[in-house]
Amino acid sequence: MVKIQQLINLMVMPILLISCTRAGVNINSQLVIQMPKSLGSDNSAFAIGDLPPEINCFFVGVGGPEPEMRKNTCFRNISGTTQTYKIGTWAGGIPRNSEVSLDVPSGKDRVIYLAGFNATAAVCRDFKKNGFPQTDPTFYSLGKAGGVNLEPGKVVSVPLVVNYDENDKIDKCDGPDFPDDNGPQGPYLRIEGLGSNVSGTNSELATKDVCYPVTFSIYDTNGSPMYNLETSDIVISNFPSEFYISSSCSGDQLTSANIPQDSSSSATAYFKKTSVGPFLTGNLNLNISRNAVPLSINVDQNIEFGNPKVSISGANINDGTCTSYTANLKKHEGDSLSLPTNVSLNLIQNPTFYSLRSTSDCSGTGTDQIIIPIGESSANFYFKFTGTPQTINFINLIPGPPGIDILPFIVNTPP
């Protein structure tokens, strides 16, 4: 074991954060930490001596007794023996010879942990903005400072003994601030605009043959939108045939989409699926150019495509009066829908029991139709009982054309 004992100054400076949502002042401390410098760079207080030069990127965690400062758990493995420690505030992807500032709630018994690993310059960047490394590097536990009292208004110098042991590692950290093992480990791409989410799930509903404007949006590991911080555009390519350039989802299919450098978090396109059934983003084989941490696709989106629907609205009781009802054209997900062609709904007649017509006097014989015109989402029709009272479900009286589902609607006679 190589043991290095050096002092890293931890400077605490007050920051007043004034909240408009409650009375009083919420006071945090700003913890400013100077990272170890490169091997042999100088003889300053931050020179690291015999720390291997490949340990060139760092992670800092701060814990404390409050629940907010214990919400994440890190697992330390010392020669096969596991220990855990709790942290709240943290920063990762900090290069040697640099400085990091963390806003930490002021209070007693703060514990500051330092870990290090080897990384290229492209990977050793702010984890909260650029995501965790996808290559799963080995993190080494380098030391901690315990019992730190962070008082607002004071500058505190905290001695931190740095110990390097190749058998003292951090296996992982779990908690609300860290990505799930099975989820995206870095920034990820989500396809937005396809249908509507099913409450409480990661599933969505959408409608076949409908042209959807979609957005390819970048999110960080905490689920927050982020900008393209690359030095060039992010280019997405190898799209399947359902993606289009035109807002009519016709003509040229989409071959590539660009997320501009430093100015955007998304790119747009159009999407149309011509059959019912699931569309799983995990089945996409997109090519995504990125210089630093790879940008993954959110593989958990499950978008179920279904037929357009017709719902009926109007009175559920009919006393034999000619009464107006409305046929409403809707998407599979429930929103109103208009189509570029007329939608014709045949009305099945049975004059012995009822009259079902497109005219407001419920008169006439023979076949009749409801026409929902081009660009419209509804049309009226008329119904009355003419014979022996009975309960009727309109789903049996108005068969939908192929590819359109009619939703049940019950009409009763007066009690």
Protein backbone atom coordinates (compact mmCIF):
# COMPACT_ATOMS: atom_id res chain seq x y z
CA MET A 1 0.00 0.00 0.00
CA VAL A 2 1.24 3.45 -0.87
CA LYS A 3 0.14 6.02 1.68
CA ILE A 4 0.25 9.73 1.00
CA GLN A 5 -0.49 12.28 3.66
CA GLN A 6 -1.11 15.74 2.31
CA LEU A 7 -3.41 18.57 3.32
CA ILE A 8 -6.10 19.81 0.93
CA ASN A 9 -7.53 23.13 2.00
CA LEU A 10 -11.31 23.27 2.11
CA MET A 11 -12.45 26.88 2.15
CA VAL A 12 -15.95 27.69 3.33
CA MET A 13 -17.54 30.98 2.30
CA PRO A 14 -21.06 32.19 3.14
CA ILE A 15 -23.84 32.48 0.56
CA LEU A 16 -27.22 33.92 1.46
CA LEU A 17 -30.08 32.38 -0.53
CA ILE A 18 -33.21 34.45 0.07
CA SER A 19 -36.42 32.51 -0.53
CA CYS A 20 -39.60 34.26 -1.65
CA THR A 21 -41.77 31.34 -0.61
CA ARG A 22 -41.31 31.57 3.12
CA ALA A 23 -40.23 34.07 5.73
CA GLY A 24 -36.63 34.18 6.88
CA VAL A 25 -33.28 33.49 5.25
CA ASN A 26 -31.98 30.08 4.18
CA ILE A 27 -28.20 30.06 4.63
CA ASN A 28 -25.93 27.63 2.78
CA SER A 29 -22.17 27.39 2.84
CA GLN A 30 -20.09 27.27 -0.30
CA LEU A 31 -17.44 24.59 -0.08
CA VAL A 32 -14.51 25.37 -2.40
CA ILE A 33 -12.13 22.46 -2.88
CA GLN A 34 -8.76 22.55 -4.66
CA MET A 35 -8.08 19.27 -6.44
CA PRO A 36 -4.63 17.61 -6.21
CA LYS A 37 -2.16 18.85 -8.80
CA SER A 38 -0.21 16.77 -11.26
CA LEU A 39 2.69 14.65 -10.08
CA GLY A 40 5.78 16.75 -9.44
CA SER A 41 4.10 19.98 -10.58
CA ASP A 42 5.41 21.94 -7.62
CA ASN A 43 5.86 21.74 -3.87
CA SER A 44 2.75 23.62 -2.91
CA ALA A 45 0.30 22.47 -0.27
CA PHE A 46 -1.70 20.71 -2.97
CA ALA A 47 1.13 18.67 -4.53
CA ILE A 48 0.16 15.02 -4.26
CA GLY A 49 3.56 13.37 -4.04
CA ASP A 50 3.39 9.66 -4.92
CA LEU A 51 -0.27 9.48 -5.98
CA PRO A 52 -0.13 7.58 -9.30
CA PRO A 53 -0.37 10.00 -12.22
CA GLU A 54 -3.20 7.95 -13.77
CA ILE A 55 -5.48 9.07 -10.89
CA ASN A 56 -6.36 12.28 -12.69
CA CYS A 57 -10.09 12.79 -12.13
CA PHE A 58 -11.95 13.21 -8.85
CA PHE A 59 -15.29 12.83 -7.10
CA VAL A 60 -16.24 14.73 -3.92
CA GLY A 61 -19.19 13.81 -1.68
CA VAL A 62 -20.44 15.59 1.43
CA GLY A 63 -22.55 13.88 4.09
CA GLY A 64 -24.17 14.90 7.33
CA PRO A 65 -26.76 13.84 9.93
CA GLU A 66 -29.81 15.37 8.20
CA PRO A 67 -31.91 13.16 5.86
CA GLU A 68 -31.10 15.40 2.87
CA MET A 69 -27.39 14.84 3.51
CA ARG A 70 -27.84 11.03 3.72
CA LYS A 71 -30.07 10.35 0.71
CA ASN A 72 -27.38 8.63 -1.39
CA THR A 73 -25.34 5.56 -0.39
CA CYS A 74 -21.83 4.82 -1.66
CA PHE A 75 -20.33 1.33 -1.30
CA ARG A 76 -16.65 1.16 -0.36
CA ASN A 77 -14.81 -2.11 -0.98
CA ILE A 78 -11.62 -2.57 1.06
CA SER A 79 -9.93 -5.82 0.03
CA GLY A 80 -13.31 -7.53 -0.30
CA THR A 81 -14.93 -6.00 2.80
CA THR A 82 -17.82 -3.66 2.06
CA GLN A 83 -18.50 -0.44 3.96
CA THR A 84 -21.13 2.18 3.19
CA TYR A 85 -21.24 5.92 3.62
CA LYS A 86 -24.01 8.42 3.08
CA ILE A 87 -23.78 11.63 1.08
CA GLY A 88 -26.14 14.40 0.03
CA THR A 89 -24.22 17.01 -1.95
CA TRP A 90 -21.65 15.80 -4.46
CA ALA A 91 -19.62 16.74 -7.54
CA GLY A 92 -17.86 14.47 -10.03
CA GLY A 93 -15.72 14.70 -13.13
CA ILE A 94 -13.24 17.17 -11.57
CA PRO A 95 -9.79 17.22 -13.21
CA ARG A 96 -6.50 17.54 -11.37
CA ASN A 97 -5.21 21.03 -10.88
CA SER A 98 -8.74 22.47 -10.76
CA GLU A 99 -11.20 23.78 -8.22
CA VAL A 100 -14.81 22.90 -7.51
CA SER A 101 -17.49 24.76 -5.54
CA LEU A 102 -20.41 23.01 -3.86
CA ASP A 103 -23.38 24.64 -2.14
CA VAL A 104 -23.67 22.71 1.13
CA PRO A 105 -26.27 23.31 3.87
CA SER A 106 -24.49 24.90 6.83
CA GLY A 107 -24.32 22.74 9.91
CA LYS A 108 -22.25 20.50 12.14
CA ASP A 109 -20.76 17.07 11.58
CA ARG A 110 -20.21 17.40 7.86
CA VAL A 111 -18.12 14.58 6.39
CA ILE A 112 -16.20 15.18 3.15
CA TYR A 113 -15.17 12.21 1.00
CA LEU A 114 -12.68 12.18 -1.88
CA ALA A 115 -12.39 9.50 -4.58
CA GLY A 116 -10.32 9.42 -7.76
CA PHE A 117 -10.04 7.46 -10.99
CA ASN A 118 -8.42 7.52 -14.41
CA ALA A 119 -10.20 9.25 -17.28
CA THR A 120 -9.54 11.00 -20.55
CA ALA A 121 -10.19 14.74 -20.74
CA ALA A 122 -13.38 14.05 -22.72
CA VAL A 123 -14.78 11.90 -19.90
CA CYS A 124 -13.50 13.90 -16.92
CA ARG A 125 -16.20 16.57 -17.18
CA ASP A 126 -19.01 17.57 -14.85
CA PHE A 127 -21.02 14.37 -14.33
CA LYS A 128 -24.21 16.28 -13.63
CA LYS A 129 -24.07 17.94 -17.04
CA ASN A 130 -22.39 15.24 -19.11
CA GLY A 131 -23.38 12.03 -17.38
CA PHE A 132 -21.43 9.29 -15.66
CA PRO A 133 -18.70 7.43 -17.57
CA GLN A 134 -20.12 4.51 -19.52
CA THR A 135 -16.86 2.55 -19.45
CA ASP A 136 -17.30 1.87 -15.69
CA PRO A 137 -13.86 3.04 -14.47
CA THR A 138 -12.36 1.95 -11.16
CA PHE A 139 -12.92 4.57 -8.44
CA TYR A 140 -10.41 4.61 -5.60
CA SER A 141 -11.29 5.89 -2.13
CA LEU A 142 -8.68 8.53 -1.32
CA GLY A 143 -9.74 9.90 2.05
CA LYS A 144 -12.22 11.83 4.13
CA ALA A 145 -12.48 14.68 6.62
CA GLY A 146 -15.05 14.15 9.37
CA GLY A 147 -16.67 16.30 12.03
CA VAL A 148 -16.49 19.44 9.90
CA ASN A 149 -18.53 22.38 11.17
CA LEU A 150 -19.60 24.58 8.27
CA GLU A 151 -20.51 27.93 9.80
CA PRO A 152 -21.87 30.68 7.58
CA GLY A 153 -19.76 33.78 7.65
CA LYS A 154 -16.48 32.00 8.42
CA VAL A 155 -13.62 30.59 6.38
CA VAL A 156 -12.60 27.12 7.53
CA SER A 157 -9.41 25.27 6.64
CA VAL A 158 -9.97 21.52 6.87
CA PRO A 159 -7.09 19.02 6.84
CA LEU A 160 -7.80 16.03 4.60
CA VAL A 161 -5.34 13.13 4.65
CA VAL A 162 -5.10 11.54 1.21
CA ASN A 163 -4.47 7.78 1.23
CA TYR A 164 -4.06 5.72 -1.92
CA ASP A 165 -4.46 1.94 -1.72
CA GLU A 166 -5.11 -0.07 -4.88
CA ASN A 167 -7.39 -2.37 -2.84
CA ASP A 168 -9.55 0.47 -1.47
CA LYS A 169 -12.25 1.15 -4.04
CA ILE A 170 -15.73 2.62 -4.45
CA ASP A 171 -17.91 0.01 -6.15
CA LYS A 172 -20.93 2.25 -6.79
CA CYS A 173 -23.24 4.90 -5.39
CA ASP A 174 -27.02 4.50 -5.29
CA GLY A 175 -29.78 6.96 -4.54
CA PRO A 176 -32.03 9.60 -6.10
CA ASP A 177 -29.05 11.53 -7.49
CA PHE A 178 -27.53 8.55 -9.28
CA PRO A 179 -28.75 6.65 -12.36
CA ASP A 180 -30.33 3.22 -12.04
CA ASP A 181 -28.08 0.33 -12.98
CA ASN A 182 -30.49 -0.62 -15.77
CA GLY A 183 -31.20 2.92 -16.94
CA PRO A 184 -29.15 5.43 -18.90
CA GLN A 185 -25.72 5.92 -17.32
CA GLY A 186 -25.07 9.18 -19.10
CA PRO A 187 -27.01 11.82 -21.01
CA TYR A 188 -29.75 10.16 -23.02
CA LEU A 189 -32.00 10.93 -25.94
CA ARG A 190 -35.78 10.82 -25.55
CA ILE A 191 -38.33 10.95 -28.39
CA GLU A 192 -41.08 13.38 -27.37
CA GLY A 193 -44.38 14.25 -29.00
CA LEU A 194 -45.61 10.75 -29.82
CA GLY A 195 -49.04 10.38 -28.25
CA SER A 196 -49.84 10.75 -24.56
CA ASN A 197 -48.36 9.14 -21.48
CA VAL A 198 -50.36 6.54 -19.58
CA SER A 199 -50.43 7.79 -15.98
CA GLY A 200 -48.06 5.96 -13.64
CA THR A 201 -46.18 4.14 -16.42
CA ASN A 202 -43.50 4.74 -19.03
CA SER A 203 -45.99 3.71 -21.74
CA GLU A 204 -47.64 6.02 -24.23
CA LEU A 205 -50.62 5.79 -26.59
CA ALA A 206 -50.58 7.06 -30.17
CA THR A 207 -52.67 6.69 -33.34
CA LYS A 208 -51.77 4.93 -36.57
CA ASP A 209 -51.74 6.99 -39.79
CA VAL A 210 -51.44 10.25 -37.82
CA CYS A 211 -48.46 12.50 -38.56
CA TYR A 212 -46.81 13.57 -35.28
CA PRO A 213 -44.22 16.33 -34.89
CA VAL A 214 -41.53 14.79 -32.70
CA THR A 215 -38.56 16.15 -30.80
CA PHE A 216 -35.29 14.39 -30.02
CA SER A 217 -34.42 15.89 -26.63
CA ILE A 218 -31.29 15.46 -24.50
CA TYR A 219 -31.70 14.81 -20.79
CA ASP A 220 -29.03 14.48 -18.10
CA THR A 221 -28.84 11.58 -15.66
CA ASN A 222 -31.14 13.42 -13.24
CA GLY A 223 -33.87 13.72 -15.91
CA SER A 224 -33.34 17.44 -16.56
CA PRO A 225 -33.15 18.93 -20.08
CA MET A 226 -29.61 19.85 -21.10
CA TYR A 227 -27.93 21.68 -23.97
CA ASN A 228 -25.51 20.22 -26.45
CA LEU A 229 -22.18 21.17 -24.87
CA GLU A 230 -20.11 19.55 -27.58
CA THR A 231 -17.74 21.47 -29.83
CA SER A 232 -19.83 20.45 -32.85
CA ASP A 233 -23.40 19.45 -33.72
CA ILE A 234 -24.73 16.13 -32.48
CA VAL A 235 -25.86 14.23 -35.58
CA ILE A 236 -28.51 11.50 -35.33
CA SER A 237 -28.88 9.14 -38.30
CA ASN A 238 -30.01 5.68 -39.43
CA PHE A 239 -33.71 6.41 -38.91
CA PRO A 240 -36.37 3.80 -39.77
CA SER A 241 -38.95 4.52 -42.47
CA GLU A 242 -41.55 5.99 -40.05
CA PHE A 243 -39.58 9.26 -39.71
CA TYR A 244 -40.11 12.10 -42.23
CA ILE A 245 -38.82 15.58 -43.05
CA SER A 246 -42.23 16.98 -44.09
CA SER A 247 -45.01 17.97 -41.68
CA SER A 248 -47.40 15.90 -43.84
CA CYS A 249 -45.33 12.72 -43.30
CA SER A 250 -45.04 12.28 -47.05
CA GLY A 251 -42.20 12.55 -49.53
CA ASP A 252 -38.61 12.35 -48.34
CA GLN A 253 -37.92 10.25 -45.28
CA LEU A 254 -35.61 11.53 -42.57
CA THR A 255 -31.97 10.52 -42.97
CA SER A 256 -30.36 12.66 -40.26
CA ALA A 257 -31.20 15.25 -37.60
CA ASN A 258 -28.82 17.77 -36.01
CA ILE A 259 -28.78 19.16 -32.47
CA PRO A 260 -26.76 22.39 -32.84
CA GLN A 261 -23.68 22.89 -30.70
CA ASP A 262 -24.11 25.06 -27.57
CA SER A 263 -27.45 26.46 -28.66
CA SER A 264 -30.05 23.73 -28.43
CA SER A 265 -31.15 20.69 -26.49
CA SER A 266 -33.23 19.10 -29.23
CA ALA A 267 -33.92 18.44 -32.92
CA THR A 268 -37.29 18.03 -34.64
CA ALA A 269 -38.79 15.71 -37.26
CA TYR A 270 -42.11 14.01 -38.08
CA PHE A 271 -43.33 10.48 -37.47
CA LYS A 272 -46.15 8.29 -38.82
CA LYS A 273 -46.81 4.62 -38.17
CA THR A 274 -49.19 2.91 -40.59
CA SER A 275 -50.10 -0.11 -38.45
CA VAL A 276 -51.37 -0.80 -34.95
CA GLY A 277 -49.09 -2.30 -32.32
CA PRO A 278 -46.13 -1.31 -30.17
CA PHE A 279 -43.28 0.97 -31.13
CA LEU A 280 -40.32 0.34 -28.81
CA THR A 281 -37.49 2.87 -28.72
CA GLY A 282 -35.24 0.06 -27.51
CA ASN A 283 -35.51 -1.48 -30.98
CA LEU A 284 -34.16 1.64 -32.69
CA ASN A 285 -30.64 1.37 -34.06
CA LEU A 286 -29.84 5.07 -34.34
CA ASN A 287 -26.34 6.33 -34.97
CA ILE A 288 -25.55 9.24 -32.63
CA SER A 289 -22.30 11.16 -33.05
CA ARG A 290 -20.85 12.57 -29.85
CA ASN A 291 -17.27 13.46 -28.98
CA ALA A 292 -17.41 12.88 -25.22
CA VAL A 293 -19.60 10.57 -23.14
CA PRO A 294 -21.83 8.53 -25.49
CA LEU A 295 -25.42 9.68 -25.81
CA SER A 296 -27.78 6.74 -25.42
CA ILE A 297 -31.41 6.37 -26.50
CA ASN A 298 -33.99 5.98 -23.74
CA VAL A 299 -34.81 2.31 -24.33
CA ASP A 300 -37.77 2.23 -21.93
CA GLN A 301 -40.31 4.09 -24.06
CA ASN A 302 -43.17 1.81 -25.11
CA ILE A 303 -45.57 3.57 -27.48
CA GLU A 304 -48.71 1.59 -28.30
CA PHE A 305 -50.33 2.58 -31.61
CA GLY A 306 -54.05 1.98 -32.11
CA ASN A 307 -56.90 2.89 -34.48
CA PRO A 308 -58.72 6.22 -34.45
CA LYS A 309 -61.94 6.06 -32.44
CA VAL A 310 -65.44 7.47 -32.60
CA SER A 311 -67.11 8.33 -29.30
CA ILE A 312 -70.78 9.29 -29.01
CA SER A 313 -71.98 12.15 -26.83
CA GLY A 314 -75.55 13.07 -25.92
CA ALA A 315 -78.40 12.07 -23.60
CA ASN A 316 -78.37 8.54 -22.16
CA ILE A 317 -82.19 8.61 -21.81
CA ASN A 318 -84.55 8.84 -24.79
CA ASP A 319 -88.31 9.17 -24.32
CA GLY A 320 -89.26 8.87 -27.98
CA THR A 321 -88.34 12.45 -28.88
CA CYS A 322 -86.06 13.02 -31.89
CA THR A 323 -82.83 13.90 -30.08
CA SER A 324 -79.48 15.15 -31.36
CA TYR A 325 -76.30 13.14 -30.73
CA THR A 326 -72.72 13.79 -31.81
CA ALA A 327 -70.18 11.40 -33.32
CA ASN A 328 -66.69 12.59 -32.20
CA LEU A 329 -63.58 11.49 -34.05
CA LYS A 330 -60.70 10.96 -31.62
CA LYS A 331 -57.15 9.73 -31.54
CA HIS A 332 -56.32 6.44 -29.85
CA GLU A 333 -54.97 8.50 -26.93
CA GLY A 334 -58.25 10.43 -26.62
CA ASP A 335 -57.53 13.83 -28.22
CA SER A 336 -59.76 15.23 -30.98
CA LEU A 337 -58.78 14.20 -34.48
CA SER A 338 -59.48 15.49 -37.98
CA LEU A 339 -58.49 13.60 -41.11
CA PRO A 340 -57.64 14.67 -44.68
CA THR A 341 -60.56 12.55 -45.99
CA ASN A 342 -64.27 12.29 -45.16
CA VAL A 343 -65.19 9.70 -42.53
CA SER A 344 -68.48 7.94 -43.40
CA LEU A 345 -70.39 6.03 -40.73
CA ASN A 346 -73.32 3.89 -41.84
CA LEU A 347 -76.49 3.96 -39.71
CA ILE A 348 -78.21 0.60 -39.30
CA GLN A 349 -82.01 1.05 -39.40
CA ASN A 350 -84.75 -0.78 -37.53
CA PRO A 351 -87.95 1.29 -37.81
CA THR A 352 -89.87 -1.20 -35.64
CA PHE A 353 -87.88 -0.10 -32.62
CA TYR A 354 -86.07 3.15 -33.41
CA SER A 355 -85.24 5.79 -35.98
CA LEU A 356 -81.56 6.66 -36.56
CA ARG A 357 -81.11 9.42 -39.12
CA SER A 358 -78.89 12.29 -40.23
CA THR A 359 -81.88 14.67 -40.35
CA SER A 360 -83.30 16.56 -37.37
CA ASP A 361 -86.88 15.24 -37.76
CA CYS A 362 -85.83 11.55 -37.57
CA SER A 363 -87.77 10.95 -40.83
CA GLY A 364 -86.95 8.87 -43.87
CA THR A 365 -86.30 5.26 -44.68
CA GLY A 366 -83.48 3.19 -46.04
CA THR A 367 -79.75 3.53 -45.56
CA ASP A 368 -78.39 6.70 -44.04
CA GLN A 369 -74.91 7.91 -43.14
CA ILE A 370 -73.09 10.28 -40.82
CA ILE A 371 -70.35 12.19 -42.65
CA ILE A 372 -67.50 13.73 -40.65
CA PRO A 373 -66.09 16.16 -43.24
CA ILE A 374 -62.47 16.68 -44.16
CA GLY A 375 -60.73 18.72 -41.48
CA GLU A 376 -63.63 18.32 -39.01
CA SER A 377 -63.67 16.21 -35.85
CA SER A 378 -67.41 15.64 -35.33
CA ALA A 379 -70.86 15.42 -36.93
CA ASN A 380 -74.42 15.32 -35.58
CA PHE A 381 -77.07 12.64 -36.05
CA TYR A 382 -80.55 12.04 -34.58
CA PHE A 383 -82.23 9.20 -32.73
CA LYS A 384 -85.60 8.32 -31.19
CA PHE A 385 -87.41 5.21 -29.99
CA THR A 386 -90.36 4.33 -32.22
CA GLY A 387 -91.51 0.99 -30.87
CA THR A 388 -91.13 -1.28 -27.88
CA PRO A 389 -88.75 0.37 -25.40
CA GLN A 390 -85.38 -1.32 -25.00
CA THR A 391 -81.80 -0.56 -24.03
CA ILE A 392 -79.64 0.06 -27.11
CA ASN A 393 -75.85 0.27 -27.49
CA PHE A 394 -74.92 2.51 -30.41
CA ILE A 395 -71.83 0.38 -31.04
CA ASN A 396 -74.22 -2.13 -32.64
CA LEU A 397 -76.02 0.51 -34.74
CA ILE A 398 -73.08 2.47 -36.18
CA PRO A 399 -70.43 0.08 -37.49
CA GLY A 400 -67.14 1.82 -38.02
CA PRO A 401 -65.35 1.72 -41.37
CA PRO A 402 -62.18 -0.40 -41.50
CA GLY A 403 -59.48 1.09 -39.29
CA ILE A 404 -61.82 3.13 -37.05
CA ASP A 405 -63.16 1.80 -33.73
CA ILE A 406 -66.60 2.78 -32.38
CA LEU A 407 -66.77 3.16 -28.60
CA PRO A 408 -69.80 1.84 -26.67
CA PHE A 409 -72.64 4.26 -25.86
CA ILE A 410 -75.80 3.11 -24.07
CA VAL A 411 -79.24 4.72 -24.53
CA ASN A 412 -82.08 3.76 -22.19
CA THR A 413 -85.78 4.49 -22.10
CA PRO A 414 -87.10 6.57 -19.21
CA PRO A 415 -87.51 4.59 -15.96
